[in-house]
Amino acid sequence: MSTKTRIRKSVWIDRAPARTPQPKLVGETTADLAVIGGGYTGLWTALHAAERHPDWRIVLLEGATVGHAASGRNGGFVDPSLTHGLSNGVERWPDEVRELNRLGDENFAGMRDDIKRHGIDCDWREEGILNFARTEWEAEWLREGAEEAAKYGQHVEFYDRARVGEVTASPAFIAALRVEEQATVDPYRLAVGLFDACRELGVEVYEHSVVKRVTNGGDAVRIQTADGEVRAARVALATNVYPALLPRLKFATVPVYDYVLATEPLSDAQLKAIGWTGGEGCADAGNQFHYFRKTDDNRILWGGYDAIYHFGSRRSEALTQREETFAKLERNFFETYPQLKGVEFTHQWGGMIDTSTRFCLKAGLAGRGRIAYALGYTGLGVASTRFGADAMLDLLEGEPTERTESALVRGGMLPFPPEPVRAMGINFTRWSMAAEDRTGRRNLWLRTMDALGLGFDS
């Protein structure tokens, strides 16, 4: 590894202009809607609620600062899929997947329109994504994916070994699949832009206001922090991977840690040397996959591969730094792009992914119709959090919509088991998926998970 000192925070957050901190909640207040969580889910919820109901008093409570967690640390890939990819949707909801795809496309277009309408400067680019294969079996997976996508009207293009050189000069890749309906953003600037739009519409935002308790009773829901209380007619829970405020959600998700590196800015000649002159987002086709992209200042963001679960669903900022994984990411980077030997990595960071057993979002209603929740995005939430926000508002308003009638709301979600079974199952699944990457064969454990509706191949 490089001996140079790296900045141990998200490159997106590190290079962003300073923003004015918001006050802590102190004392008692009331709200027509209280939103708990200042990431994408909470920000989209507050923004759309303010647009739907200009007369509502909307309060947003954030335990740290807006966008500090997954919303400011992810790769900035904007995938229209609400089901974490077509294959996962086909496997779980074959009769509804076309409808879910349509809802995802509409949500993607609505996100683009919201960003434009509110003047959010987040470097939105629609240049598609390239998925790369390193082995013959991964190439076959991509070929099968292309055939499946064509059945559902998606625009993809498969590059075999003879053509893959058109999109990369990496010696590691032997095939590729281009998907057109994808975008990239600066994820932290998106979060800050949503915050600014919320404030312009009158949303009250309180930071460093960790919610300790949510109690539903009488004529309102009481939300208690260390220094204050909100009495709200309606509540939207947008805490995702953080400890559940409803007992029913205690085992709905688990925190899985993901890690990322970012290089120093590269020259046009360096990017040309690796055959990467476009603005696509990129990923590997394996189960243990890298995701990578260029930033607007020509860095390469290189993340993924390891996905680490800690016994007991431990959550700690200290766990976002893991030297073993950073060393592995660096090694894999230079094996993929040996032309860039000597390039320095300037940033290293990690964050938690709210992983669910169905690998995509679940929205629901609790507290006699007063409390809505959306969670479980499993690393694909940049776009789908907007859908989750709208689904929560639909549920709180009590009117059936296409969103509330979809499988993402109506369908159930199996909880994770208690420890030690939880850790054993998660870690053995990770081991099995890595073995499939090495051999191209899905073992008995993974086939059993498939049969139980818990399988996942990417």
Protein backbone atom coordinates (compact mmCIF):
# COMPACT_ATOMS: atom_id res chain seq x y z
CA MET A 1 0.00 0.00 0.00
CA SER A 2 0.99 3.60 -0.47
CA THR A 3 2.85 5.18 2.41
CA LYS A 4 1.20 8.56 1.85
CA THR A 5 -1.38 9.59 4.42
CA ARG A 6 -4.91 9.30 3.11
CA ILE A 7 -7.93 11.35 4.09
CA ARG A 8 -10.22 9.05 6.04
CA LYS A 9 -13.55 10.37 4.85
CA SER A 10 -15.71 10.33 1.75
CA VAL A 11 -14.17 12.30 -1.10
CA TRP A 12 -17.63 13.72 -1.77
CA ILE A 13 -17.93 15.15 1.73
CA ASP A 14 -14.29 16.18 1.99
CA ARG A 15 -14.31 18.39 -1.09
CA ALA A 16 -17.77 19.92 -0.52
CA PRO A 17 -18.10 23.56 0.56
CA ALA A 18 -18.81 24.08 4.24
CA ARG A 19 -22.49 24.36 5.08
CA THR A 20 -24.24 26.14 7.90
CA PRO A 21 -25.02 23.66 10.71
CA GLN A 22 -28.61 23.38 11.83
CA PRO A 23 -29.62 23.74 15.48
CA LYS A 24 -30.25 20.91 17.91
CA LEU A 25 -33.86 20.34 18.95
CA VAL A 26 -34.34 21.87 22.38
CA GLY A 27 -37.71 22.00 24.10
CA GLU A 28 -41.12 20.94 22.85
CA THR A 29 -42.71 21.52 19.47
CA THR A 30 -45.50 20.15 17.28
CA ALA A 31 -45.68 19.04 13.66
CA ASP A 32 -48.13 17.80 11.08
CA LEU A 33 -45.33 15.51 9.91
CA ALA A 34 -42.12 14.55 11.68
CA VAL A 35 -39.41 12.91 9.57
CA ILE A 36 -36.73 10.97 11.43
CA GLY A 37 -33.49 10.73 9.46
CA GLY A 38 -31.64 13.24 7.30
CA GLY A 39 -30.43 10.99 4.50
CA TYR A 40 -32.04 10.57 1.10
CA THR A 41 -35.19 8.85 2.37
CA GLY A 42 -35.91 11.54 4.93
CA LEU A 43 -35.01 14.43 2.64
CA TRP A 44 -37.17 13.19 -0.24
CA THR A 45 -40.03 12.62 2.22
CA ALA A 46 -39.82 16.11 3.69
CA LEU A 47 -39.47 17.74 0.27
CA HIS A 48 -42.41 15.96 -1.33
CA ALA A 49 -44.57 16.42 1.76
CA ALA A 50 -43.90 20.16 1.63
CA GLU A 51 -44.88 20.20 -2.04
CA ARG A 52 -48.03 18.14 -1.49
CA HIS A 53 -49.10 20.01 1.65
CA PRO A 54 -47.77 23.57 1.77
CA ASP A 55 -49.84 24.21 4.91
CA TRP A 56 -48.21 21.41 6.93
CA ARG A 57 -45.60 22.09 9.55
CA ILE A 58 -42.82 19.62 8.78
CA VAL A 59 -39.97 18.86 11.17
CA LEU A 60 -36.94 16.75 10.20
CA LEU A 61 -34.72 15.29 12.93
CA GLU A 62 -31.18 14.10 12.11
CA GLY A 63 -28.95 12.40 14.65
CA ALA A 64 -25.71 13.78 13.20
CA THR A 65 -25.60 16.01 10.11
CA VAL A 66 -27.63 15.85 6.91
CA GLY A 67 -26.17 13.39 4.40
CA HIS A 68 -23.29 12.30 6.64
CA ALA A 69 -23.93 8.54 6.37
CA ALA A 70 -24.75 6.39 3.33
CA SER A 71 -26.18 9.34 1.39
CA GLY A 72 -22.82 11.08 1.42
CA ARG A 73 -20.58 8.02 1.14
CA ASN A 74 -21.98 5.93 -1.71
CA GLY A 75 -20.69 5.69 -5.26
CA GLY A 76 -23.38 7.92 -6.74
CA PHE A 77 -24.85 5.29 -9.08
CA VAL A 78 -28.47 6.06 -9.99
CA ASP A 79 -30.18 2.85 -11.08
CA PRO A 80 -33.89 3.05 -12.00
CA SER A 81 -34.48 -0.46 -10.61
CA LEU A 82 -36.62 -0.65 -7.49
CA THR A 83 -35.95 -4.39 -7.15
CA HIS A 84 -32.14 -4.28 -7.02
CA GLY A 85 -31.83 -5.38 -10.60
CA LEU A 86 -34.08 -7.16 -13.06
CA SER A 87 -33.04 -10.69 -12.06
CA ASN A 88 -33.95 -10.13 -8.41
CA GLY A 89 -37.32 -8.72 -9.46
CA VAL A 90 -38.05 -11.62 -11.84
CA GLU A 91 -37.09 -14.16 -9.16
CA ARG A 92 -39.29 -12.64 -6.45
CA TRP A 93 -42.22 -11.05 -8.31
CA PRO A 94 -42.44 -12.55 -11.80
CA ASP A 95 -46.05 -11.46 -12.26
CA GLU A 96 -45.39 -7.88 -11.19
CA VAL A 97 -41.90 -7.20 -12.46
CA ARG A 98 -43.01 -5.31 -15.57
CA GLU A 99 -45.13 -3.01 -13.44
CA LEU A 100 -42.28 -2.55 -10.96
CA ASN A 101 -39.94 -1.74 -13.84
CA ARG A 102 -42.38 0.89 -15.11
CA LEU A 103 -42.69 2.42 -11.64
CA GLY A 104 -38.91 2.46 -11.38
CA ASP A 105 -38.54 4.22 -14.72
CA GLU A 106 -41.16 6.81 -13.71
CA ASN A 107 -39.40 7.37 -10.39
CA PHE A 108 -36.06 7.82 -12.21
CA ALA A 109 -37.61 10.40 -14.55
CA GLY A 110 -39.26 12.14 -11.60
CA MET A 111 -35.92 12.32 -9.81
CA ARG A 112 -34.32 13.93 -12.84
CA ASP A 113 -37.20 16.45 -13.01
CA ASP A 114 -36.98 17.24 -9.28
CA ILE A 115 -33.25 17.92 -9.54
CA LYS A 116 -33.79 20.25 -12.49
CA ARG A 117 -36.81 22.02 -10.98
CA HIS A 118 -35.07 22.73 -7.68
CA GLY A 119 -31.79 23.68 -9.34
CA ILE A 120 -29.80 21.00 -7.49
CA ASP A 121 -26.18 21.05 -8.68
CA CYS A 122 -25.17 17.42 -8.22
CA ASP A 123 -23.37 16.58 -11.48
CA TRP A 124 -26.23 14.44 -12.84
CA ARG A 125 -24.97 12.49 -15.88
CA GLU A 126 -26.87 9.91 -17.90
CA GLU A 127 -24.11 7.98 -19.63
CA GLY A 128 -25.10 4.43 -18.71
CA ILE A 129 -23.20 1.70 -16.90
CA LEU A 130 -20.75 -0.98 -18.02
CA ASN A 131 -20.74 -4.36 -16.27
CA PHE A 132 -17.52 -6.29 -16.86
CA ALA A 133 -16.77 -10.02 -16.80
CA ARG A 134 -13.42 -11.41 -15.66
CA THR A 135 -14.14 -15.11 -16.28
CA GLU A 136 -15.94 -17.18 -18.90
CA TRP A 137 -18.79 -17.93 -16.51
CA GLU A 138 -19.21 -14.27 -15.67
CA ALA A 139 -19.34 -13.54 -19.40
CA GLU A 140 -22.10 -16.13 -19.68
CA TRP A 141 -23.96 -14.46 -16.79
CA LEU A 142 -23.80 -11.17 -18.68
CA ARG A 143 -24.98 -12.82 -21.89
CA GLU A 144 -27.92 -14.34 -20.03
CA GLY A 145 -28.62 -10.97 -18.44
CA ALA A 146 -28.73 -9.34 -21.86
CA GLU A 147 -31.24 -11.91 -23.09
CA GLU A 148 -33.40 -11.42 -20.00
CA ALA A 149 -33.26 -7.63 -20.32
CA ALA A 150 -34.35 -7.83 -23.96
CA LYS A 151 -37.46 -9.77 -22.93
CA TYR A 152 -38.47 -6.87 -20.72
CA GLY A 153 -37.71 -4.12 -23.20
CA GLN A 154 -34.53 -2.82 -21.58
CA HIS A 155 -31.80 -1.31 -23.75
CA VAL A 156 -28.55 -3.22 -23.31
CA GLU A 157 -25.60 -4.17 -25.51
CA PHE A 158 -23.32 -7.16 -24.99
CA TYR A 159 -19.61 -6.94 -25.87
CA ASP A 160 -17.87 -10.29 -26.32
CA ARG A 161 -14.11 -10.88 -26.06
CA ALA A 162 -13.56 -9.56 -29.58
CA ARG A 163 -15.37 -6.27 -28.82
CA VAL A 164 -14.59 -5.59 -25.17
CA GLY A 165 -11.53 -3.60 -26.20
CA GLU A 166 -13.90 -0.93 -27.51
CA VAL A 167 -14.75 0.06 -23.95
CA THR A 168 -11.71 -0.90 -21.86
CA ALA A 169 -7.98 -1.55 -22.19
CA SER A 170 -7.89 -3.56 -18.97
CA PRO A 171 -6.31 -7.00 -19.40
CA ALA A 172 -8.64 -8.31 -16.68
CA PHE A 173 -11.92 -8.04 -18.59
CA ILE A 174 -13.11 -10.42 -21.28
CA ALA A 175 -16.70 -9.24 -21.85
CA ALA A 176 -19.02 -6.37 -20.99
CA LEU A 177 -22.67 -5.40 -20.88
CA ARG A 178 -23.70 -1.80 -21.44
CA VAL A 179 -26.96 -0.67 -19.81
CA GLU A 180 -28.20 2.68 -21.08
CA GLU A 181 -30.81 3.66 -18.47
CA GLN A 182 -28.42 4.63 -15.70
CA ALA A 183 -27.03 7.87 -14.29
CA THR A 184 -24.35 9.03 -11.88
CA VAL A 185 -24.36 11.92 -9.41
CA ASP A 186 -22.23 13.51 -6.74
CA PRO A 187 -24.18 11.87 -3.89
CA TYR A 188 -23.35 14.36 -1.14
CA ARG A 189 -24.17 17.35 -3.32
CA LEU A 190 -27.49 15.66 -4.03
CA ALA A 191 -28.19 15.35 -0.30
CA VAL A 192 -27.22 18.96 0.37
CA GLY A 193 -29.30 20.10 -2.60
CA LEU A 194 -32.34 18.25 -1.26
CA PHE A 195 -31.75 19.85 2.13
CA ASP A 196 -31.60 23.33 0.56
CA ALA A 197 -34.83 22.65 -1.34
CA CYS A 198 -36.51 21.50 1.88
CA ARG A 199 -35.45 24.63 3.72
CA GLU A 200 -36.74 26.84 0.90
CA LEU A 201 -40.16 25.23 1.33
CA GLY A 202 -40.19 25.82 5.07
CA VAL A 203 -39.12 22.45 6.45
CA GLU A 204 -37.58 22.80 9.93
CA VAL A 205 -34.38 20.77 10.18
CA TYR A 206 -32.69 19.88 13.46
CA GLU A 207 -29.27 18.22 13.48
CA HIS A 208 -27.45 16.39 16.29
CA SER A 209 -30.87 15.38 17.57
CA VAL A 210 -30.80 11.62 18.09
CA VAL A 211 -34.29 10.20 18.60
CA LYS A 212 -34.44 8.08 21.75
CA ARG A 213 -38.04 6.98 21.71
CA VAL A 214 -41.21 7.06 19.58
CA THR A 215 -44.48 6.63 21.50
CA ASN A 216 -47.87 6.48 19.84
CA GLY A 217 -50.76 7.46 22.07
CA GLY A 218 -53.54 9.94 22.54
CA ASP A 219 -53.92 12.39 19.69
CA ALA A 220 -50.27 12.42 18.56
CA VAL A 221 -47.02 10.51 18.27
CA ARG A 222 -44.41 11.64 20.79
CA ILE A 223 -40.81 11.74 19.53
CA GLN A 224 -38.24 12.23 22.26
CA THR A 225 -34.63 13.33 21.90
CA ALA A 226 -32.12 14.06 24.65
CA ASP A 227 -33.11 17.71 24.77
CA GLY A 228 -36.55 17.98 23.24
CA GLU A 229 -39.78 16.45 22.08
CA VAL A 230 -41.96 16.63 18.98
CA ARG A 231 -45.67 15.84 19.10
CA ALA A 232 -46.58 14.89 15.55
CA ALA A 233 -49.80 13.91 13.78
CA ARG A 234 -47.77 11.71 11.42
CA VAL A 235 -44.26 10.25 11.46
CA ALA A 236 -42.01 9.00 8.65
CA LEU A 237 -39.18 6.74 9.82
CA ALA A 238 -36.15 7.13 7.56
CA THR A 239 -33.42 5.71 9.78
CA ASN A 240 -32.68 2.76 7.48
CA VAL A 241 -29.66 0.88 8.86
CA TYR A 242 -29.63 2.58 12.26
CA PRO A 243 -31.27 0.90 15.27
CA ALA A 244 -35.00 0.45 14.73
CA LEU A 245 -37.45 2.68 16.57
CA LEU A 246 -40.24 0.16 16.05
CA PRO A 247 -39.97 -3.34 17.57
CA ARG A 248 -41.28 -4.94 14.38
CA LEU A 249 -38.29 -3.59 12.45
CA LYS A 250 -35.60 -4.80 14.86
CA PHE A 251 -34.51 -7.67 12.60
CA ALA A 252 -35.68 -6.22 9.26
CA THR A 253 -32.18 -5.16 8.21
CA VAL A 254 -28.58 -5.74 9.20
CA PRO A 255 -25.63 -3.35 8.80
CA VAL A 256 -23.08 -4.52 6.24
CA TYR A 257 -19.94 -2.44 5.87
CA ASP A 258 -18.77 -1.37 2.42
CA TYR A 259 -15.42 0.29 1.63
CA VAL A 260 -14.15 2.74 -0.99
CA LEU A 261 -10.94 4.28 -2.30
CA ALA A 262 -10.50 7.38 -4.47
CA THR A 263 -7.42 8.18 -6.54
CA GLU A 264 -5.72 11.47 -7.08
CA PRO A 265 -7.02 13.33 -10.19
CA LEU A 266 -5.81 11.57 -13.35
CA SER A 267 -4.68 13.09 -16.60
CA ASP A 268 -6.50 12.60 -19.89
CA ALA A 269 -3.50 10.54 -21.05
CA GLN A 270 -3.80 8.18 -18.08
CA LEU A 271 -7.51 7.67 -18.71
CA LYS A 272 -6.86 7.09 -22.41
CA ALA A 273 -4.23 4.49 -21.50
CA ILE A 274 -6.90 2.37 -19.79
CA GLY A 275 -9.40 2.94 -22.59
CA TRP A 276 -11.82 4.91 -20.45
CA THR A 277 -12.75 8.12 -22.20
CA GLY A 278 -16.50 8.09 -21.52
CA GLY A 279 -18.45 8.93 -18.40
CA GLU A 280 -20.00 5.55 -17.67
CA GLY A 281 -20.38 4.05 -14.26
CA CYS A 282 -18.79 0.59 -14.07
CA ALA A 283 -19.02 -2.62 -12.08
CA ASP A 284 -17.82 -6.21 -12.11
CA ALA A 285 -20.21 -9.05 -12.86
CA GLY A 286 -19.21 -11.24 -9.91
CA ASN A 287 -20.89 -11.67 -6.54
CA GLN A 288 -17.90 -10.00 -4.90
CA PHE A 289 -17.85 -7.05 -7.24
CA HIS A 290 -16.15 -3.71 -7.53
CA TYR A 291 -18.06 -0.60 -8.51
CA PHE A 292 -16.05 2.20 -10.04
CA ARG A 293 -16.51 5.51 -11.81
CA LYS A 294 -14.85 8.79 -12.59
CA THR A 295 -15.57 11.94 -10.62
CA ASP A 296 -15.94 15.35 -12.24
CA ASP A 297 -12.28 16.09 -11.40
CA ASN A 298 -11.07 12.84 -13.05
CA ARG A 299 -10.46 10.76 -9.96
CA ILE A 300 -11.41 7.11 -10.06
CA LEU A 301 -13.64 5.97 -7.24
CA TRP A 302 -13.06 2.26 -6.59
CA GLY A 303 -15.26 0.47 -4.05
CA GLY A 304 -17.00 -2.71 -3.06
CA TYR A 305 -15.74 -6.30 -3.14
CA ASP A 306 -15.67 -6.88 0.62
CA ALA A 307 -19.00 -6.67 2.44
CA ILE A 308 -18.36 -7.09 6.16
CA TYR A 309 -20.92 -8.04 8.80
CA HIS A 310 -19.99 -7.79 12.48
CA PHE A 311 -21.51 -10.13 15.06
CA GLY A 312 -24.51 -8.68 16.86
CA SER A 313 -25.14 -6.12 14.09
CA ARG A 314 -22.46 -3.87 15.59
CA ARG A 315 -22.58 -0.27 14.44
CA SER A 316 -19.62 2.02 14.96
CA GLU A 317 -17.85 4.73 13.03
CA ALA A 318 -14.61 2.94 13.90
CA LEU A 319 -15.72 0.03 11.72
CA THR A 320 -15.73 2.24 8.61
CA GLN A 321 -11.92 2.01 8.47
CA ARG A 322 -10.56 -1.47 7.65
CA GLU A 323 -6.98 -1.55 6.43
CA GLU A 324 -7.22 -5.17 5.29
CA THR A 325 -9.99 -4.27 2.88
CA PHE A 326 -8.31 -1.08 1.65
CA ALA A 327 -5.18 -3.10 0.86
CA LYS A 328 -7.27 -5.63 -1.05
CA LEU A 329 -9.04 -2.89 -3.00
CA GLU A 330 -5.72 -1.29 -3.94
CA ARG A 331 -4.26 -4.64 -5.04
CA ASN A 332 -7.32 -5.44 -7.15
CA PHE A 333 -7.25 -1.97 -8.71
CA PHE A 334 -3.71 -2.33 -10.01
CA GLU A 335 -4.39 -5.87 -11.22
CA THR A 336 -7.29 -4.42 -13.20
CA TYR A 337 -5.41 -1.36 -14.46
CA PRO A 338 -1.66 -2.10 -14.40
CA GLN A 339 -1.20 0.92 -16.71
CA LEU A 340 -1.87 3.12 -13.67
CA LYS A 341 0.91 1.72 -11.48
CA GLY A 342 2.19 4.50 -9.23
CA VAL A 343 -1.11 6.37 -9.01
CA GLU A 344 -1.86 7.44 -5.43
CA PHE A 345 -5.09 6.99 -3.51
CA THR A 346 -5.99 10.14 -1.60
CA HIS A 347 -9.15 9.04 0.25
CA GLN A 348 -10.37 5.90 1.99
CA TRP A 349 -13.70 5.46 3.74
CA GLY A 350 -16.49 3.08 4.54
CA GLY A 351 -20.14 3.07 5.47
CA MET A 352 -23.08 0.90 6.39
CA ILE A 353 -25.52 -0.66 3.93
CA ASP A 354 -29.01 -1.48 5.22
CA THR A 355 -29.25 -5.04 3.93
CA SER A 356 -32.62 -6.80 3.85
CA THR A 357 -33.49 -10.43 3.11
CA ARG A 358 -35.15 -9.49 -0.17
CA PHE A 359 -32.35 -7.09 -1.18
CA CYS A 360 -34.62 -4.17 -1.98
CA LEU A 361 -36.85 -1.66 -0.25
CA LYS A 362 -39.86 -2.35 1.92
CA ALA A 363 -42.33 0.35 2.92
CA GLY A 364 -45.10 -0.08 5.46
CA LEU A 365 -47.41 1.44 8.03
CA ALA A 366 -47.60 1.08 11.81
CA GLY A 367 -48.92 2.91 14.86
CA ARG A 368 -52.59 2.75 13.81
CA GLY A 369 -51.77 4.46 10.53
CA ARG A 370 -49.71 7.28 12.02
CA ILE A 371 -46.18 5.92 11.46
CA ALA A 372 -44.76 4.98 8.07
CA TYR A 373 -41.38 3.45 7.33
CA ALA A 374 -39.18 2.64 4.33
CA LEU A 375 -35.93 0.70 4.55
CA GLY A 376 -33.86 -2.20 3.22
CA TYR A 377 -32.42 -0.68 0.03
CA THR A 378 -29.33 -2.94 0.21
CA GLY A 379 -26.93 -0.55 -1.46
CA LEU A 380 -29.16 0.59 -4.31
CA GLY A 381 -30.98 3.49 -2.74
CA VAL A 382 -29.91 6.63 -4.59
CA ALA A 383 -33.05 6.51 -6.74
CA SER A 384 -35.28 4.07 -4.86
CA THR A 385 -35.25 6.17 -1.67
CA ARG A 386 -37.35 8.68 -3.58
CA PHE A 387 -39.91 5.95 -4.28
CA GLY A 388 -39.81 4.86 -0.64
CA ALA A 389 -40.46 8.45 0.44
CA ASP A 390 -43.49 8.78 -1.82
CA ALA A 391 -44.80 5.40 -0.68
CA MET A 392 -44.62 6.54 2.95
CA LEU A 393 -46.52 9.72 2.18
CA ASP A 394 -49.16 7.76 0.25
CA LEU A 395 -49.59 5.42 3.21
CA LEU A 396 -49.87 8.27 5.71
CA GLU A 397 -52.48 9.98 3.54
CA GLY A 398 -54.51 6.76 3.48
CA GLU A 399 -55.24 6.72 -0.25
CA PRO A 400 -54.35 3.65 -2.32
CA THR A 401 -51.89 4.35 -5.13
CA GLU A 402 -49.86 2.26 -7.54
CA ARG A 403 -47.02 2.55 -5.06
CA THR A 404 -49.01 1.31 -2.06
CA GLU A 405 -50.50 -1.52 -4.10
CA SER A 406 -47.09 -2.72 -5.31
CA ALA A 407 -45.21 -5.72 -3.96
CA LEU A 408 -42.70 -3.35 -2.38
CA VAL A 409 -45.41 -2.29 0.08
CA ARG A 410 -47.86 -5.18 0.16
CA GLY A 411 -45.27 -7.95 0.17
CA GLY A 412 -43.70 -9.26 3.33
CA MET A 413 -40.03 -9.33 4.25
CA LEU A 414 -38.49 -12.18 6.21
CA PRO A 415 -36.60 -10.96 9.28
CA PHE A 416 -33.02 -11.95 9.97
CA PRO A 417 -32.68 -14.61 12.69
CA PRO A 418 -31.17 -13.82 16.10
CA GLU A 419 -27.50 -14.41 16.85
CA PRO A 420 -25.49 -16.57 16.48
CA VAL A 421 -27.53 -17.95 13.57
CA ARG A 422 -27.58 -14.54 11.90
CA ALA A 423 -23.81 -14.16 11.71
CA MET A 424 -23.30 -17.79 10.71
CA GLY A 425 -25.82 -17.52 7.88
CA ILE A 426 -24.55 -14.20 6.55
CA ASN A 427 -20.89 -15.16 6.64
CA PHE A 428 -21.43 -18.61 5.14
CA THR A 429 -23.46 -17.01 2.35
CA ARG A 430 -20.58 -14.59 1.69
CA TRP A 431 -18.12 -17.49 1.58
CA SER A 432 -20.38 -19.43 -0.80
CA MET A 433 -20.79 -16.47 -3.15
CA ALA A 434 -17.03 -15.96 -3.26
CA ALA A 435 -16.65 -19.66 -4.09
CA GLU A 436 -19.13 -19.27 -6.94
CA ASP A 437 -17.02 -16.42 -8.31
CA ARG A 438 -13.95 -18.71 -8.33
CA THR A 439 -15.65 -21.76 -9.84
CA GLY A 440 -18.79 -20.60 -11.62
CA ARG A 441 -20.83 -23.12 -9.62
CA ARG A 442 -23.59 -22.33 -7.13
CA ASN A 443 -23.26 -24.65 -4.12
CA LEU A 444 -26.00 -26.43 -2.16
CA TRP A 445 -26.29 -23.62 0.38
CA LEU A 446 -26.92 -20.98 -2.29
CA ARG A 447 -29.36 -23.24 -4.15
CA THR A 448 -31.23 -23.75 -0.88
CA MET A 449 -31.37 -19.99 -0.31
CA ASP A 450 -32.73 -19.62 -3.84
CA ALA A 451 -35.46 -22.13 -3.11
CA LEU A 452 -36.41 -20.28 0.07
CA GLY A 453 -36.60 -16.96 -1.73
CA LEU A 454 -33.44 -15.67 -0.03
CA GLY A 455 -31.01 -16.17 -2.87
CA PHE A 456 -29.11 -13.40 -4.56
CA ASP A 457 -26.48 -13.50 -7.27
CA SER A 458 -24.91 -10.05 -7.35
